[in-house]
Protein backbone atom coordinates (compact mmCIF):
# COMPACT_ATOMS: atom_id res chain seq x y z
CA MET A 1 -6.95 -52.66 6.47
CA SER A 2 -4.95 -50.42 4.13
CA SER A 3 -3.19 -47.31 5.27
CA THR A 4 -3.73 -44.06 3.36
CA THR A 5 -1.92 -40.81 3.56
CA VAL A 6 -3.98 -37.65 3.59
CA PRO A 7 -2.24 -34.61 2.12
CA PRO A 8 -2.12 -31.56 4.37
CA THR A 9 -4.91 -29.04 3.85
CA THR A 10 -3.00 -25.94 4.87
CA GLN A 11 -0.94 -23.92 2.46
CA PRO A 12 2.60 -22.87 3.26
CA PRO A 13 2.76 -19.32 4.62
CA ILE A 14 3.03 -16.60 2.02
CA GLU A 15 6.24 -14.62 2.27
CA PRO A 16 5.83 -10.93 3.04
CA ILE A 17 6.58 -8.44 0.30
CA VAL A 18 8.56 -5.35 1.28
CA GLN A 19 10.10 -3.40 -1.57
CA PRO A 20 12.59 -1.81 -1.29
CA SER A 21 13.57 -4.42 1.26
CA ASP A 22 15.24 -2.01 3.67
CA ILE A 23 12.29 0.36 4.26
CA VAL A 24 10.77 -1.73 7.05
CA ASP A 25 12.41 -4.02 9.58
CA TYR A 26 9.79 -6.72 9.19
CA ASP A 27 8.61 -8.60 12.26
CA ASP A 28 5.61 -10.95 12.41
CA ARG A 29 4.25 -8.93 15.34
CA MET A 30 4.56 -5.55 13.59
CA THR A 31 1.26 -3.65 13.74
CA VAL A 32 2.36 -0.10 12.85
CA THR A 33 4.97 1.08 10.41
CA THR A 34 5.96 4.73 10.46
CA ILE A 35 8.33 5.84 7.76
CA THR A 36 9.69 9.35 8.22
CA LYS A 37 13.27 9.01 7.00
CA CYS A 38 12.83 8.13 3.40
CA ARG A 39 14.35 8.35 0.00
CA THR A 40 13.68 11.77 -1.43
CA TYR A 41 15.29 11.65 -4.85
CA MET A 42 17.03 8.28 -4.82
CA SER A 43 16.10 6.00 -7.68
CA THR A 44 13.48 3.69 -6.20
CA ASN A 45 11.00 2.48 -8.77
CA LYS A 46 8.66 0.64 -6.43
CA PHE A 47 7.18 0.97 -2.96
CA ILE A 48 5.30 -2.27 -2.25
CA LEU A 49 4.02 -3.80 0.97
CA GLY A 50 2.12 -7.08 0.94
CA TYR A 51 1.27 -10.07 3.10
CA LEU A 52 2.31 -8.48 6.40
CA PRO A 53 -0.19 -10.34 8.60
CA ASN A 54 -0.47 -7.99 11.60
CA LEU A 55 0.08 -4.58 10.04
CA LYS A 56 -2.72 -2.19 11.08
CA THR A 57 -1.37 1.28 10.30
CA ILE A 58 0.97 2.79 7.70
CA ASN A 59 2.26 6.34 8.24
CA ILE A 60 4.59 7.83 5.64
CA GLY A 61 6.10 11.27 6.20
CA ASP A 62 6.45 14.36 4.03
CA ASN A 63 8.69 14.58 0.94
CA CYS A 64 9.14 10.82 0.61
CA TRP A 65 9.93 8.79 -2.51
CA LYS A 66 9.46 11.64 -4.93
CA THR A 67 10.61 9.69 -7.98
CA THR A 68 8.90 6.37 -7.18
CA LYS A 69 6.59 5.20 -9.98
CA THR A 70 4.74 2.34 -8.26
CA PHE A 71 2.92 2.52 -4.92
CA LYS A 72 1.17 -0.73 -4.01
CA LEU A 73 -0.38 -2.16 -0.87
CA ASP A 74 -1.83 -5.63 -1.31
CA SER A 75 -3.26 -8.37 0.91
CA LEU A 76 -2.74 -6.60 4.23
CA ASP A 77 -5.52 -8.37 6.11
CA LEU A 78 -5.55 -6.22 9.27
CA LEU A 79 -4.64 -2.85 7.75
CA GLU A 80 -7.04 -0.14 8.98
CA SER A 81 -5.35 3.17 8.16
CA VAL A 82 -2.99 4.65 5.56
CA VAL A 83 -1.59 8.17 5.98
CA ILE A 84 0.74 9.74 3.40
CA GLY A 85 2.36 13.11 4.13
CA LYS A 86 2.62 16.06 1.78
CA LYS A 87 4.74 16.18 -1.40
CA SER A 88 5.40 12.44 -1.41
CA PHE A 89 5.40 9.99 -4.32
CA LEU A 90 5.29 12.65 -7.00
CA GLY A 91 6.01 10.05 -9.68
CA GLU A 92 5.97 10.58 -13.41
CA GLN A 93 2.92 10.96 -15.57
CA VAL A 94 3.76 7.99 -17.79
CA GLY A 95 3.58 4.55 -16.20
CA SER A 96 3.13 5.49 -12.56
CA SER A 97 0.44 3.78 -10.51
CA TYR A 98 -1.15 3.87 -7.05
CA GLN A 99 -2.92 0.70 -6.00
CA ILE A 100 -4.45 -0.56 -2.77
CA THR A 101 -6.11 -3.96 -3.07
CA ASN A 102 -7.37 -6.81 -0.92
CA CYS A 103 -7.28 -5.04 2.44
CA PRO A 104 -10.58 -6.12 4.02
CA LYS A 105 -10.32 -3.99 7.18
CA LEU A 106 -8.99 -0.76 5.65
CA LYS A 107 -11.19 2.09 6.90
CA SER A 108 -9.35 5.28 5.96
CA ILE A 109 -6.86 6.72 3.50
CA ARG A 110 -5.41 10.21 3.94
CA ILE A 111 -3.12 11.76 1.34
CA GLY A 112 -1.26 15.04 1.88
CA ILE A 113 -1.17 17.96 -0.52
CA THR A 114 0.49 17.30 -3.92
CA SER A 115 1.29 13.68 -3.10
CA PHE A 116 0.92 11.40 -6.13
CA ARG A 117 0.49 14.52 -8.27
CA ASN A 118 1.93 13.05 -11.46
CA TYR A 119 0.63 9.51 -11.10
CA GLU A 120 -1.12 8.08 -14.12
CA SER A 121 -3.51 5.71 -12.37
CA PHE A 122 -5.32 5.42 -9.03
CA GLU A 123 -6.99 2.13 -8.14
CA LEU A 124 -8.74 0.88 -5.03
CA ASN A 125 -10.10 -2.65 -5.22
CA ASN A 126 -11.66 -5.10 -2.77
CA LEU A 127 -11.77 -2.78 0.26
CA PRO A 128 -15.14 -3.63 1.84
CA SER A 129 -14.57 -1.61 5.07
CA LEU A 130 -13.39 1.61 3.43
CA GLN A 131 -15.19 4.62 4.93
CA SER A 132 -13.12 7.62 3.87
CA ILE A 133 -10.61 8.86 1.33
CA VAL A 134 -9.24 12.31 2.11
CA THR A 135 -6.84 14.18 -0.12
CA ASP A 136 -5.54 17.60 0.84
CA GLY A 137 -5.52 18.74 -2.76
CA ASP A 138 -3.51 18.84 -5.96
CA GLY A 139 -2.83 15.10 -5.94
CA PHE A 140 -3.58 12.66 -8.75
CA TYR A 141 -3.78 15.52 -11.21
CA TYR A 142 -3.54 13.19 -14.25
CA ALA A 143 -5.11 10.02 -12.84
CA PRO A 144 -8.65 8.80 -13.31
CA PHE A 145 -10.00 7.30 -10.10
CA ILE A 146 -10.87 3.63 -10.41
CA LEU A 147 -12.94 2.33 -7.51
CA THR A 148 -13.99 -1.29 -7.93
CA SER A 149 -15.41 -3.95 -5.62
CA LEU A 150 -15.18 -1.74 -2.57
CA ILE A 151 -18.29 -3.23 -0.96
CA ASP A 152 -19.40 -6.85 -1.17
């Protein structure tokens, strides 16, 4: 009888993405991240969170990351709620983007007044549980809304 080796069927864990790396003290058990002390005018091109397996809620305060050009949340499997305060992520009209993708349990997005005002694009994709998007006004002034594959 010959012996055969069967390769493992599980993939190695995907590393979390937190950019800039010091905005969140990542912990595998983390379910809520509240960011109130944030970079107002510091040069931070990207705000990205991805592959944080237990994250359920993201709360970002007022006047945060005013010059950031990229806001991206991706593959946050348990994420249910995103709240952005007022006057945050003002961006620049050219090349700035807001993107939330592959968050199967996301139910609500709330964006404060004038947040993302100068962003060039707004995209929500593969969010089958999304029930509400609330903006308090004057946000995404230049951006067309792109809503794709929200419901299976």
